[in-house]
PDB file of N, CA and C in Angstrom:
ATOM      1  N   LYS A   1     121.053  95.775 113.479  1.00  0.00           N
ATOM      2  CA  LYS A   1     122.554  95.904 113.651  1.00  0.00           C
ATOM      3  C   LYS A   1     123.045  94.910 114.631  1.00  0.00           C
ATOM      4  N   PHE A   2     122.225  94.515 115.591  1.00  0.00           N
ATOM      5  CA  PHE A   2     122.674  93.585 116.695  1.00  0.00           C
ATOM      6  C   PHE A   2     123.085  92.270 116.056  1.00  0.00           C
ATOM      7  N   ASP A   3     122.344  91.794 115.013  1.00  0.00           N
ATOM      8  CA  ASP A   3     122.726  90.501 114.382  1.00  0.00           C
ATOM      9  C   ASP A   3     124.061  90.687 113.664  1.00  0.00           C
ATOM     10  N   ILE A   4     124.253  91.881 113.021  1.00  0.00           N
ATOM     11  CA  ILE A   4     125.502  92.003 112.271  1.00  0.00           C
ATOM     12  C   ILE A   4     126.625  92.065 113.293  1.00  0.00           C
ATOM     13  N   ASP A   5     126.541  92.727 114.416  1.00  0.00           N
ATOM     14  CA  ASP A   5     127.644  92.698 115.380  1.00  0.00           C
ATOM     15  C   ASP A   5     127.889  91.393 115.930  1.00  0.00           C
ATOM     16  N   THR A   6     126.775  90.660 116.240  1.00  0.00           N
ATOM     17  CA  THR A   6     126.876  89.345 116.882  1.00  0.00           C
ATOM     18  C   THR A   6     127.559  88.357 115.917  1.00  0.00           C
ATOM     19  N   PHE A   7     127.011  88.281 114.692  1.00  0.00           N
ATOM     20  CA  PHE A   7     127.497  87.273 113.806  1.00  0.00           C
ATOM     21  C   PHE A   7     128.737  87.687 113.037  1.00  0.00           C
ATOM     22  N   THR A   8     129.472  88.745 113.531  1.00  0.00           N
ATOM     23  CA  THR A   8     130.762  88.975 113.065  1.00  0.00           C
ATOM     24  C   THR A   8     131.798  88.988 114.095  1.00  0.00           C
ATOM     25  N   ARG A   9     131.529  88.421 115.159  1.00  0.00           N
ATOM     26  CA  ARG A   9     132.402  88.235 116.371  1.00  0.00           C
ATOM     27  C   ARG A   9     133.178  87.062 116.151  1.00  0.00           C
ATOM     28  N   GLU A  10     134.555  87.242 116.003  1.00  0.00           N
ATOM     29  CA  GLU A  10     135.485  86.206 115.813  1.00  0.00           C
ATOM     30  C   GLU A  10     135.527  85.217 117.022  1.00  0.00           C
ATOM     31  N   ASP A  11     135.345  85.666 118.279  1.00  0.00           N
ATOM     32  CA  ASP A  11     135.460  84.725 119.402  1.00  0.00           C
ATOM     33  C   ASP A  11     134.298  83.879 119.389  1.00  0.00           C
ATOM     34  N   LEU A  12     133.122  84.285 119.143  1.00  0.00           N
ATOM     35  CA  LEU A  12     131.921  83.405 119.046  1.00  0.00           C
ATOM     36  C   LEU A  12     132.071  82.335 117.950  1.00  0.00           C
ATOM     37  N   PHE A  13     132.604  82.882 116.802  1.00  0.00           N
ATOM     38  CA  PHE A  13     132.740  81.974 115.527  1.00  0.00           C
ATOM     39  C   PHE A  13     133.720  80.867 115.988  1.00  0.00           C
ATOM     40  N   LYS A  14     134.837  81.228 116.653  1.00  0.00           N
ATOM     41  CA  LYS A  14     135.760  80.171 116.942  1.00  0.00           C
ATOM     42  C   LYS A  14     135.283  79.240 117.888  1.00  0.00           C
ATOM     43  N   VAL A  15     134.430  79.591 118.909  1.00  0.00           N
ATOM     44  CA  VAL A  15     133.875  78.598 119.865  1.00  0.00           C
ATOM     45  C   VAL A  15     132.814  77.742 119.117  1.00  0.00           C
ATOM     46  N   MET A  16     132.000  78.274 118.365  1.00  0.00           N
ATOM     47  CA  MET A  16     131.024  77.472 117.568  1.00  0.00           C
ATOM     48  C   MET A  16     131.610  76.618 116.565  1.00  0.00           C
ATOM     49  N   SER A  17     132.736  77.011 115.957  1.00  0.00           N
ATOM     50  CA  SER A  17     133.424  76.223 114.997  1.00  0.00           C
ATOM     51  C   SER A  17     134.119  75.109 115.738  1.00  0.00           C
ATOM     52  N   ALA A  18     134.677  75.242 116.890  1.00  0.00           N
ATOM     53  CA  ALA A  18     135.220  74.193 117.597  1.00  0.00           C
ATOM     54  C   ALA A  18     134.212  73.092 117.935  1.00  0.00           C
ATOM     55  N   VAL A  19     133.087  73.489 118.396  1.00  0.00           N
ATOM     56  CA  VAL A  19     132.003  72.517 118.602  1.00  0.00           C
ATOM     57  C   VAL A  19     131.590  71.813 117.288  1.00  0.00           C
ATOM     58  N   HIS A  20     131.395  72.597 116.303  1.00  0.00           N
ATOM     59  CA  HIS A  20     130.915  72.014 115.019  1.00  0.00           C
ATOM     60  C   HIS A  20     131.993  71.034 114.436  1.00  0.00           C
ATOM     61  N   GLU A  21     133.225  71.282 114.463  1.00  0.00           N
ATOM     62  CA  GLU A  21     134.267  70.490 113.988  1.00  0.00           C
ATOM     63  C   GLU A  21     134.726  69.308 114.873  1.00  0.00           C
ATOM     64  N   ASN A  22     134.128  69.285 116.122  1.00  0.00           N
ATOM     65  CA  ASN A  22     134.432  68.193 117.033  1.00  0.00           C
ATOM     66  C   ASN A  22     133.364  67.131 116.903  1.00  0.00           C
ATOM     67  N   LYS A  23     133.601  66.055 116.184  1.00  0.00           N
ATOM     68  CA  LYS A  23     132.523  65.045 116.019  1.00  0.00           C
ATOM     69  C   LYS A  23     131.971  64.469 117.332  1.00  0.00           C
ATOM     70  N   ALA A  24     132.808  64.241 118.235  1.00  0.00           N
ATOM     71  CA  ALA A  24     132.446  63.650 119.568  1.00  0.00           C
ATOM     72  C   ALA A  24     131.364  64.646 120.224  1.00  0.00           C
ATOM     73  N   GLU A  25     131.741  65.882 120.153  1.00  0.00           N
ATOM     74  CA  GLU A  25     130.787  66.905 120.785  1.00  0.00           C
ATOM     75  C   GLU A  25     129.554  67.016 120.004  1.00  0.00           C
ATOM     76  N   MET A  26     129.514  66.982 118.768  1.00  0.00           N
ATOM     77  CA  MET A  26     128.348  67.066 117.871  1.00  0.00           C
ATOM     78  C   MET A  26     127.543  65.850 118.108  1.00  0.00           C
ATOM     79  N   GLU A  27     128.036  64.687 118.362  1.00  0.00           N
ATOM     80  CA  GLU A  27     127.303  63.456 118.594  1.00  0.00           C
ATOM     81  C   GLU A  27     126.542  63.450 119.920  1.00  0.00           C
ATOM     82  N   LYS A  28     127.033  64.256 120.885  1.00  0.00           N
ATOM     83  CA  LYS A  28     126.447  64.307 122.245  1.00  0.00           C
ATOM     84  C   LYS A  28     125.154  65.202 122.049  1.00  0.00           C
ATOM     85  N   LEU A  29     125.047  66.089 121.102  1.00  0.00           N
ATOM     86  CA  LEU A  29     124.029  66.929 121.028  1.00  0.00           C
ATOM     87  C   LEU A  29     122.678  66.299 120.464  1.00  0.00           C
ATOM     88  N   CYS A  30     121.491  66.775 120.965  1.00  0.00           N
ATOM     89  CA  CYS A  30     120.292  66.309 120.395  1.00  0.00           C
ATOM     90  C   CYS A  30     120.123  67.019 119.015  1.00  0.00           C
ATOM     91  N   ASP A  31     119.158  66.387 118.216  1.00  0.00           N
ATOM     92  CA  ASP A  31     119.022  66.928 116.844  1.00  0.00           C
ATOM     93  C   ASP A  31     118.759  68.402 116.839  1.00  0.00           C
ATOM     94  N   GLU A  32     117.969  68.982 117.729  1.00  0.00           N
ATOM     95  CA  GLU A  32     117.666  70.414 117.767  1.00  0.00           C
ATOM     96  C   GLU A  32     118.981  71.235 117.961  1.00  0.00           C
ATOM     97  N   ASP A  33     119.869  70.788 118.886  1.00  0.00           N
ATOM     98  CA  ASP A  33     121.033  71.459 119.197  1.00  0.00           C
ATOM     99  C   ASP A  33     122.063  71.397 118.083  1.00  0.00           C
ATOM    100  N   LYS A  34     122.165  70.218 117.368  1.00  0.00           N
ATOM    101  CA  LYS A  34     122.969  70.128 116.206  1.00  0.00           C
ATOM    102  C   LYS A  34     122.483  71.087 115.111  1.00  0.00           C
ATOM    103  N   ARG A  35     121.177  71.125 114.965  1.00  0.00           N
ATOM    104  CA  ARG A  35     120.648  72.107 113.912  1.00  0.00           C
ATOM    105  C   ARG A  35     120.986  73.542 114.307  1.00  0.00           C
ATOM    106  N   LEU A  36     120.871  73.815 115.637  1.00  0.00           N
ATOM    107  CA  LEU A  36     121.233  75.211 116.024  1.00  0.00           C
ATOM    108  C   LEU A  36     122.696  75.490 115.747  1.00  0.00           C
ATOM    109  N   VAL A  37     123.586  74.617 116.039  1.00  0.00           N
ATOM    110  CA  VAL A  37     125.022  74.770 115.859  1.00  0.00           C
ATOM    111  C   VAL A  37     125.256  75.051 114.377  1.00  0.00           C
ATOM    112  N   ILE A  38     124.661  74.280 113.428  1.00  0.00           N
ATOM    113  CA  ILE A  38     124.791  74.475 111.953  1.00  0.00           C
ATOM    114  C   ILE A  38     124.285  75.805 111.525  1.00  0.00           C
ATOM    115  N   LYS A  39     123.030  76.238 111.992  1.00  0.00           N
ATOM    116  CA  LYS A  39     122.490  77.437 111.634  1.00  0.00           C
ATOM    117  C   LYS A  39     123.298  78.551 112.071  1.00  0.00           C
ATOM    118  N   VAL A  40     123.802  78.536 113.308  1.00  0.00           N
ATOM    119  CA  VAL A  40     124.786  79.608 113.886  1.00  0.00           C
ATOM    120  C   VAL A  40     125.939  79.780 112.961  1.00  0.00           C
ATOM    121  N   ILE A  41     126.553  78.583 112.651  1.00  0.00           N
ATOM    122  CA  ILE A  41     127.745  78.647 111.840  1.00  0.00           C
ATOM    123  C   ILE A  41     127.466  79.260 110.394  1.00  0.00           C
ATOM    124  N   ASP A  42     126.231  78.758 109.864  1.00  0.00           N
ATOM    125  CA  ASP A  42     125.798  79.440 108.617  1.00  0.00           C
ATOM    126  C   ASP A  42     125.742  80.914 108.755  1.00  0.00           C
ATOM    127  N   GLY A  43     125.176  81.414 109.844  1.00  0.00           N
ATOM    128  CA  GLY A  43     124.985  82.894 110.078  1.00  0.00           C
ATOM    129  C   GLY A  43     126.349  83.519 110.063  1.00  0.00           C
ATOM    130  N   PHE A  44     127.339  82.927 110.722  1.00  0.00           N
ATOM    131  CA  PHE A  44     128.751  83.532 110.800  1.00  0.00           C
ATOM    132  C   PHE A  44     129.316  83.528 109.350  1.00  0.00           C
ATOM    133  N   LEU A  45     129.136  82.411 108.598  1.00  0.00           N
ATOM    134  CA  LEU A  45     129.681  82.373 107.217  1.00  0.00           C
ATOM    135  C   LEU A  45     128.952  83.408 106.290  1.00  0.00           C
ATOM    136  N   ASP A  46     127.632  83.532 106.459  1.00  0.00           N
ATOM    137  CA  ASP A  46     126.866  84.523 105.718  1.00  0.00           C
ATOM    138  C   ASP A  46     127.416  85.935 105.943  1.00  0.00           C
ATOM    139  N   ASN A  47     127.955  86.076 107.213  1.00  0.00           N
ATOM    140  CA  ASN A  47     128.432  87.438 107.528  1.00  0.00           C
ATOM    141  C   ASN A  47     129.923  87.670 107.309  1.00  0.00           C
ATOM    142  N   GLY A  48     130.502  86.713 106.542  1.00  0.00           N
ATOM    143  CA  GLY A  48     131.863  86.854 106.069  1.00  0.00           C
ATOM    144  C   GLY A  48     132.934  86.350 106.946  1.00  0.00           C
ATOM    145  N   LEU A  49     132.674  85.616 107.968  1.00  0.00           N
ATOM    146  CA  LEU A  49     133.693  85.328 108.936  1.00  0.00           C
ATOM    147  C   LEU A  49     134.791  84.389 108.331  1.00  0.00           C
ATOM    148  N   ALA A  50     134.515  83.806 107.192  1.00  0.00           N
ATOM    149  CA  ALA A  50     135.570  82.983 106.576  1.00  0.00           C
ATOM    150  C   ALA A  50     136.368  83.801 105.522  1.00  0.00           C
ATOM    151  N   LEU A  51     136.081  85.090 105.369  1.00  0.00           N
ATOM    152  CA  LEU A  51     136.763  85.948 104.423  1.00  0.00           C
ATOM    153  C   LEU A  51     138.013  86.489 105.045  1.00  0.00           C
ATOM    154  N   PRO A  52     138.961  86.985 104.237  1.00  0.00           N
ATOM    155  CA  PRO A  52     140.084  87.696 104.777  1.00  0.00           C
ATOM    156  C   PRO A  52     139.680  88.928 105.527  1.00  0.00           C
ATOM    157  N   LYS A  53     140.420  89.399 106.555  1.00  0.00           N
ATOM    158  CA  LYS A  53     140.054  90.500 107.413  1.00  0.00           C
ATOM    159  C   LYS A  53     139.506  91.753 106.664  1.00  0.00           C
ATOM    160  N   GLU A  54     140.222  92.180 105.686  1.00  0.00           N
ATOM    161  CA  GLU A  54     139.834  93.405 104.906  1.00  0.00           C
ATOM    162  C   GLU A  54     138.481  93.298 104.259  1.00  0.00           C
ATOM    163  N   GLU A  55     138.246  92.084 103.695  1.00  0.00           N
ATOM    164  CA  GLU A  55     136.960  91.888 103.027  1.00  0.00           C
ATOM    165  C   GLU A  55     135.852  91.713 104.022  1.00  0.00           C
ATOM    166  N   LYS A  56     136.250  91.120 105.274  1.00  0.00           N
ATOM    167  CA  LYS A  56     135.140  90.896 106.297  1.00  0.00           C
ATOM    168  C   LYS A  56     134.761  92.310 106.787  1.00  0.00           C
ATOM    169  N   GLU A  57     135.627  93.240 106.960  1.00  0.00           N
ATOM    170  CA  GLU A  57     135.339  94.609 107.453  1.00  0.00           C
ATOM    171  C   GLU A  57     134.476  95.316 106.432  1.00  0.00           C
ATOM    172  N   LYS A  58     134.863  95.182 105.144  1.00  0.00           N
ATOM    173  CA  LYS A  58     134.093  95.703 104.098  1.00  0.00           C
ATOM    174  C   LYS A  58     132.658  95.271 103.934  1.00  0.00           C
ATOM    175  N   LEU A  59     132.451  93.945 104.181  1.00  0.00           N
ATOM    176  CA  LEU A  59     131.096  93.344 104.214  1.00  0.00           C
ATOM    177  C   LEU A  59     130.278  93.821 105.413  1.00  0.00           C
ATOM    178  N   LYS A  60     131.032  93.909 106.562  1.00  0.00           N
ATOM    179  CA  LYS A  60     130.309  94.352 107.746  1.00  0.00           C
ATOM    180  C   LYS A  60     129.792  95.711 107.578  1.00  0.00           C
ATOM    181  N   LYS A  61     130.658  96.675 107.061  1.00  0.00           N
ATOM    182  CA  LYS A  61     130.251  98.049 106.797  1.00  0.00           C
ATOM    183  C   LYS A  61     129.067  98.094 105.781  1.00  0.00           C
ATOM    184  N   MET A  62     129.215  97.234 104.777  1.00  0.00           N
ATOM    185  CA  MET A  62     128.035  97.261 103.698  1.00  0.00           C
ATOM    186  C   MET A  62     126.791  96.853 104.424  1.00  0.00           C
ATOM    187  N   ARG A  63     126.785  95.797 105.277  1.00  0.00           N
ATOM    188  CA  ARG A  63     125.614  95.267 105.880  1.00  0.00           C
ATOM    189  C   ARG A  63     125.036  96.359 106.812  1.00  0.00           C
ATOM    190  N   LYS A  64     125.874  96.983 107.599  1.00  0.00           N
ATOM    191  CA  LYS A  64     125.413  98.092 108.432  1.00  0.00           C
ATOM    192  C   LYS A  64     124.724  99.206 107.733  1.00  0.00           C
ATOM    193  N   ASP A  65     125.454  99.615 106.555  1.00  0.00           N
ATOM    194  CA  ASP A  65     124.890 100.659 105.701  1.00  0.00           C
ATOM    195  C   ASP A  65     123.511 100.273 105.130  1.00  0.00           C
ATOM    196  N   LEU A  66     123.406  98.947 104.753  1.00  0.00           N
ATOM    197  CA  LEU A  66     122.139  98.417 104.224  1.00  0.00           C
ATOM    198  C   LEU A  66     121.032  98.463 105.353  1.00  0.00           C
ATOM    199  N   SER A  67     121.400  98.086 106.570  1.00  0.00           N
ATOM    200  CA  SER A  67     120.544  98.102 107.696  1.00  0.00           C
ATOM    201  C   SER A  67     120.026  99.562 107.922  1.00  0.00           C
ATOM    202  N   ASP A  68     120.904 100.532 107.851  1.00  0.00           N
ATOM    203  CA  ASP A  68     120.547 101.969 108.005  1.00  0.00           C
ATOM    204  C   ASP A  68     119.577 102.435 106.877  1.00  0.00           C
ATOM    205  N   MET A  69     119.841 101.954 105.687  1.00  0.00           N
ATOM    206  CA  MET A  69     118.916 102.333 104.628  1.00  0.00           C
ATOM    207  C   MET A  69     117.515 101.640 104.811  1.00  0.00           C
ATOM    208  N   GLU A  70     117.552 100.367 105.242  1.00  0.00           N
ATOM    209  CA  GLU A  70     116.121  99.793 105.451  1.00  0.00           C
ATOM    210  C   GLU A  70     115.426 100.474 106.577  1.00  0.00           C
ATOM    211  N   ILE A  71     116.032 100.901 107.631  1.00  0.00           N
ATOM    212  CA  ILE A  71     115.411 101.629 108.704  1.00  0.00           C
ATOM    213  C   ILE A  71     114.896 102.939 108.159  1.00  0.00           C
ATOM    214  N   ASN A  72     115.705 103.633 107.386  1.00  0.00           N
ATOM    215  CA  ASN A  72     115.320 104.970 106.827  1.00  0.00           C
ATOM    216  C   ASN A  72     114.094 104.746 105.840  1.00  0.00           C
ATOM    217  N   PHE A  73     114.159 103.659 105.031  1.00  0.00           N
ATOM    218  CA  PHE A  73     113.083 103.417 104.178  1.00  0.00           C
ATOM    219  C   PHE A  73     111.790 103.141 104.903  1.00  0.00           C
ATOM    220  N   ALA A  74     111.780 102.374 105.962  1.00  0.00           N
ATOM    221  CA  ALA A  74     110.642 102.052 106.734  1.00  0.00           C
ATOM    222  C   ALA A  74     110.064 103.336 107.373  1.00  0.00           C
ATOM    223  N   GLN A  75     110.972 104.131 107.850  1.00  0.00           N
ATOM    224  CA  GLN A  75     110.474 105.391 108.466  1.00  0.00           C
ATOM    225  C   GLN A  75     109.889 106.332 107.438  1.00  0.00           C
ATOM    226  N   ASN A  76     110.352 106.362 106.208  1.00  0.00           N
ATOM    227  CA  ASN A  76     109.859 107.205 105.174  1.00  0.00           C
ATOM    228  C   ASN A  76     108.580 106.653 104.771  1.00  0.00           C
ATOM    229  N   ILE A  77     108.295 105.382 104.594  1.00  0.00           N
ATOM    230  CA  ILE A  77     107.040 104.770 104.294  1.00  0.00           C
ATOM    231  C   ILE A  77     106.040 105.170 105.401  1.00  0.00           C
ATOM    232  N   SER A  78     106.437 104.907 106.628  1.00  0.00           N
ATOM    233  CA  SER A  78     105.592 105.206 107.722  1.00  0.00           C
ATOM    234  C   SER A  78     105.141 106.698 107.791  1.00  0.00           C
ATOM    235  N   ALA A  79     106.044 107.575 107.498  1.00  0.00           N
ATOM    236  CA  ALA A  79     105.707 109.017 107.467  1.00  0.00           C
ATOM    237  C   ALA A  79     104.852 109.520 106.243  1.00  0.00           C
ATOM    238  N   ASP A  80     104.918 108.603 105.231  1.00  0.00           N
ATOM    239  CA  ASP A  80     104.245 109.082 103.961  1.00  0.00           C
ATOM    240  C   ASP A  80     102.792 109.099 104.136  1.00  0.00           C
ATOM    241  N   LYS A  81     102.230 110.226 103.632  1.00  0.00           N
ATOM    242  CA  LYS A  81     100.776 110.459 103.724  1.00  0.00           C
ATOM    243  C   LYS A  81     100.083 110.278 102.281  1.00  0.00           C
ATOM    244  N   SER A  82     100.795 109.741 101.363  1.00  0.00           N
ATOM    245  CA  SER A  82     100.386 109.719  99.954  1.00  0.00           C
ATOM    246  C   SER A  82      99.166 108.692  99.828  1.00  0.00           C
ATOM    247  N   LYS A  83      98.320 108.962  98.917  1.00  0.00           N
ATOM    248  CA  LYS A  83      97.149 108.081  98.716  1.00  0.00           C
ATOM    249  C   LYS A  83      96.964 108.084  97.190  1.00  0.00           C
ATOM    250  N   ILE A  84      96.351 106.903  96.777  1.00  0.00           N
ATOM    251  CA  ILE A  84      96.069 106.725  95.361  1.00  0.00           C
ATOM    252  C   ILE A  84      94.614 106.405  95.374  1.00  0.00           C
ATOM    253  N   LEU A  85      93.896 106.835  94.361  1.00  0.00           N
ATOM    254  CA  LEU A  85      92.455 106.640  94.219  1.00  0.00           C
ATOM    255  C   LEU A  85      92.219 105.614  93.087  1.00  0.00           C
ATOM    256  N   PHE A  86      91.443 104.572  93.386  1.00  0.00           N
ATOM    257  CA  PHE A  86      91.059 103.604  92.358  1.00  0.00           C
ATOM    258  C   PHE A  86      89.524 103.375  92.366  1.00  0.00           C
ATOM    259  N   THR A  87      89.121 103.076  91.208  1.00  0.00           N
ATOM    260  CA  THR A  87      87.671 102.587  91.122  1.00  0.00           C
ATOM    261  C   THR A  87      87.537 101.176  91.510  1.00  0.00           C
ATOM    262  N   ARG A  88      86.402 100.663  91.746  1.00  0.00           N
ATOM    263  CA  ARG A  88      86.192  99.297  92.113  1.00  0.00           C
ATOM    264  C   ARG A  88      86.732  98.351  91.047  1.00  0.00           C
ATOM    265  N   GLU A  89      86.478  98.766  89.832  1.00  0.00           N
ATOM    266  CA  GLU A  89      86.890  97.957  88.712  1.00  0.00           C
ATOM    267  C   GLU A  89      88.413  97.821  88.597  1.00  0.00           C
ATOM    268  N   GLU A  90      89.128  98.914  88.959  1.00  0.00           N
ATOM    269  CA  GLU A  90      90.536  98.886  88.884  1.00  0.00           C
ATOM    270  C   GLU A  90      91.124  97.980  89.956  1.00  0.00           C
ATOM    271  N   LEU A  91      90.363  97.688  90.962  1.00  0.00           N
ATOM    272  CA  LEU A  91      90.669  96.864  92.094  1.00  0.00           C
ATOM    273  C   LEU A  91      90.166  95.433  92.024  1.00  0.00           C
ATOM    274  N   ALA A  92      89.685  95.105  90.830  1.00  0.00           N
ATOM    275  CA  ALA A  92      89.062  93.807  90.565  1.00  0.00           C
ATOM    276  C   ALA A  92      90.087  92.697  90.996  1.00  0.00           C
ATOM    277  N   GLY A  93      89.537  91.677  91.644  1.00  0.00           N
ATOM    278  CA  GLY A  93      90.319  90.590  92.145  1.00  0.00           C
ATOM    279  C   GLY A  93      90.738  90.606  93.506  1.00  0.00           C
ATOM    280  N   LEU A  94      90.565  91.753  94.167  1.00  0.00           N
ATOM    281  CA  LEU A  94      90.793  91.867  95.610  1.00  0.00           C
ATOM    282  C   LEU A  94      89.657  91.258  96.406  1.00  0.00           C
ATOM    283  N   PRO A  95      89.929  90.693  97.556  1.00  0.00           N
ATOM    284  CA  PRO A  95      88.809  90.111  98.318  1.00  0.00           C
ATOM    285  C   PRO A  95      87.750  91.086  98.859  1.00  0.00           C
ATOM    286  N   GLU A  96      86.631  90.667  99.041  1.00  0.00           N
ATOM    287  CA  GLU A  96      85.620  91.697  99.599  1.00  0.00           C
ATOM    288  C   GLU A  96      86.088  92.399 100.901  1.00  0.00           C
ATOM    289  N   SER A  97      86.758  91.675 101.690  1.00  0.00           N
ATOM    290  CA  SER A  97      87.256  92.259 102.956  1.00  0.00           C
ATOM    291  C   SER A  97      88.138  93.521 102.821  1.00  0.00           C
ATOM    292  N   PHE A  98      88.765  93.632 101.604  1.00  0.00           N
ATOM    293  CA  PHE A  98      89.545  94.817 101.285  1.00  0.00           C
ATOM    294  C   PHE A  98      88.722  96.003 101.235  1.00  0.00           C
ATOM    295  N   PHE A  99      87.465  95.886 100.793  1.00  0.00           N
ATOM    296  CA  PHE A  99      86.614  97.076 100.624  1.00  0.00           C
ATOM    297  C   PHE A  99      85.800  97.402 101.879  1.00  0.00           C
ATOM    298  N   GLU A 100      85.796  96.588 102.840  1.00  0.00           N
ATOM    299  CA  GLU A 100      85.008  96.813 104.070  1.00  0.00           C
ATOM    300  C   GLU A 100      85.678  98.061 104.802  1.00  0.00           C
ATOM    301  N   ASP A 101      84.834  98.906 105.142  1.00  0.00           N
ATOM    302  CA  ASP A 101      85.260 100.158 105.875  1.00  0.00           C
ATOM    303  C   ASP A 101      86.400 100.988 105.161  1.00  0.00           C
ATOM    304  N   ARG A 102      86.536 100.722 103.895  1.00  0.00           N
ATOM    305  CA  ARG A 102      87.403 101.466 103.025  1.00  0.00           C
ATOM    306  C   ARG A 102      87.060 102.858 102.839  1.00  0.00           C
ATOM    307  N   GLU A 103      87.917 103.863 102.953  1.00  0.00           N
ATOM    308  CA  GLU A 103      87.586 105.290 102.715  1.00  0.00           C
ATOM    309  C   GLU A 103      87.291 105.462 101.227  1.00  0.00           C
ATOM    310  N   LEU A 104      86.294 106.197 101.004  1.00  0.00           N
ATOM    311  CA  LEU A 104      85.892 106.554  99.589  1.00  0.00           C
ATOM    312  C   LEU A 104      85.952 108.083  99.314  1.00  0.00           C
ATOM    313  N   GLU A 105      86.391 108.457  98.141  1.00  0.00           N
ATOM    314  CA  GLU A 105      86.305 109.763  97.686  1.00  0.00           C
ATOM    315  C   GLU A 105      85.624 109.926  96.364  1.00  0.00           C
ATOM    316  N   VAL A 106      84.853 110.963  96.207  1.00  0.00           N
ATOM    317  CA  VAL A 106      84.154 111.097  94.847  1.00  0.00           C
ATOM    318  C   VAL A 106      84.905 112.083  94.086  1.00  0.00           C
ATOM    319  N   VAL A 107      85.390 111.546  92.889  1.00  0.00           N
ATOM    320  CA  VAL A 107      86.110 112.478  91.977  1.00  0.00           C
ATOM    321  C   VAL A 107      85.356 112.514  90.601  1.00  0.00           C
ATOM    322  N   GLY A 108      84.962 113.702  90.198  1.00  0.00           N
ATOM    323  CA  GLY A 108      84.192 113.763  88.943  1.00  0.00           C
ATOM    324  C   GLY A 108      83.029 112.987  88.892  1.00  0.00           C
ATOM    325  N   GLY A 109      82.321 112.821  90.064  1.00  0.00           N
ATOM    326  CA  GLY A 109      81.185 112.019  90.156  1.00  0.00           C
ATOM    327  C   GLY A 109      81.326 110.413  90.219  1.00  0.00           C
ATOM    328  N   VAL A 110      82.589 110.100  90.378  1.00  0.00           N
ATOM    329  CA  VAL A 110      82.908 108.672  90.351  1.00  0.00           C
ATOM    330  C   VAL A 110      83.465 108.335  91.789  1.00  0.00           C
ATOM    331  N   GLU A 111      82.904 107.259  92.416  1.00  0.00           N
ATOM    332  CA  GLU A 111      83.447 106.855  93.727  1.00  0.00           C
ATOM    333  C   GLU A 111      84.766 106.151  93.493  1.00  0.00           C
ATOM    334  N   LYS A 112      85.702 106.527  94.222  1.00  0.00           N
ATOM    335  CA  LYS A 112      87.054 105.905  94.239  1.00  0.00           C
ATOM    336  C   LYS A 112      87.503 105.525  95.568  1.00  0.00           C
ATOM    337  N   TYR A 113      88.153 104.361  95.662  1.00  0.00           N
ATOM    338  CA  TYR A 113      88.693 103.826  97.009  1.00  0.00           C
ATOM    339  C   TYR A 113      90.060 104.358  97.237  1.00  0.00           C
ATOM    340  N   VAL A 114      90.281 104.786  98.485  1.00  0.00           N
ATOM    341  CA  VAL A 114      91.560 105.234  98.865  1.00  0.00           C
ATOM    342  C   VAL A 114      92.466 104.218  99.208  1.00  0.00           C
ATOM    343  N   VAL A 115      93.718 104.158  98.657  1.00  0.00           N
ATOM    344  CA  VAL A 115      94.652 103.151  98.933  1.00  0.00           C
ATOM    345  C   VAL A 115      96.013 103.900  99.297  1.00  0.00           C
ATOM    346  N   THR A 116      96.598 103.466 100.371  1.00  0.00           N
ATOM    347  CA  THR A 116      97.819 104.125 100.877  1.00  0.00           C
ATOM    348  C   THR A 116      99.019 103.076 100.921  1.00  0.00           C
ATOM    349  N   THR A 117     100.127 103.600 101.358  1.00  0.00           N
ATOM    350  CA  THR A 117     101.273 102.702 101.520  1.00  0.00           C
ATOM    351  C   THR A 117     101.373 102.067 102.922  1.00  0.00           C
ATOM    352  N   LYS A 118     100.303 102.163 103.686  1.00  0.00           N
ATOM    353  CA  LYS A 118     100.220 101.596 105.011  1.00  0.00           C
ATOM    354  C   LYS A 118      99.591 100.233 104.990  1.00  0.00           C
ATOM    355  N   TYR A 119      99.904  99.508 106.117  1.00  0.00           N
ATOM    356  CA  TYR A 119      99.231  98.214 106.397  1.00  0.00           C
ATOM    357  C   TYR A 119      97.882  98.526 106.784  1.00  0.00           C
ATOM    358  N   PRO A 120      96.844  97.817 106.337  1.00  0.00           N
ATOM    359  CA  PRO A 120      96.801  96.614 105.494  1.00  0.00           C
ATOM    360  C   PRO A 120      96.734  96.804 104.041  1.00  0.00           C
ATOM    361  N   ASP A 121      96.713  98.068 103.487  1.00  0.00           N
ATOM    362  CA  ASP A 121      96.673  98.324 102.090  1.00  0.00           C
ATOM    363  C   ASP A 121      97.805  97.727 101.398  1.00  0.00           C
ATOM    364  N   LEU A 122      98.973  97.745 101.900  1.00  0.00           N
ATOM    365  CA  LEU A 122     100.143  97.263 101.298  1.00  0.00           C
ATOM    366  C   LEU A 122     100.148  95.694 101.126  1.00  0.00           C
ATOM    367  N   PHE A 123      99.516  94.993 101.982  1.00  0.00           N
ATOM    368  CA  PHE A 123      99.322  93.610 101.931  1.00  0.00           C
ATOM    369  C   PHE A 123      97.930  93.111 102.005  1.00  0.00           C
ATOM    370  N   PRO A 124      97.132  93.319 101.050  1.00  0.00           N
ATOM    371  CA  PRO A 124      95.676  93.073 101.171  1.00  0.00           C
ATOM    372  C   PRO A 124      95.347  91.641 101.024  1.00  0.00           C
ATOM    373  N   MET A 125      96.143  90.799 100.454  1.00  0.00           N
ATOM    374  CA  MET A 125      95.686  89.426 100.154  1.00  0.00           C
ATOM    375  C   MET A 125      95.955  88.523 101.296  1.00  0.00           C
ATOM    376  N   PRO A 126      94.995  87.766 101.702  1.00  0.00           N
ATOM    377  CA  PRO A 126      95.184  86.769 102.859  1.00  0.00           C
ATOM    378  C   PRO A 126      96.142  85.644 102.468  1.00  0.00           C
TER     379      PRO A 126
END
């Protein structure tokens, strides 16, 4: 939410736009600083600073709502205790490191690997 609040500030956008639109000022900057100014301006534009006020506020609210949903989703995944069981054959193609120290359960006489929604299960491939 910090980024949303920062990149929707009109005062900062005006200052950065003034620098960006002033060729003499831009020429004084080193390449890295020029790139920073351009990236910051892009951030403001991505957050709707060029939109009319009503649309700008609507976009800001949508971005904050989305941020809340992302946080809620991450918390739900973190709290989730679900697990899925797979045979080695069903996990064919995964690197050997995926199976090292992997929890096993025996179901109906068949060894199955426990896979969760937690890291590193979620992103097993290097």
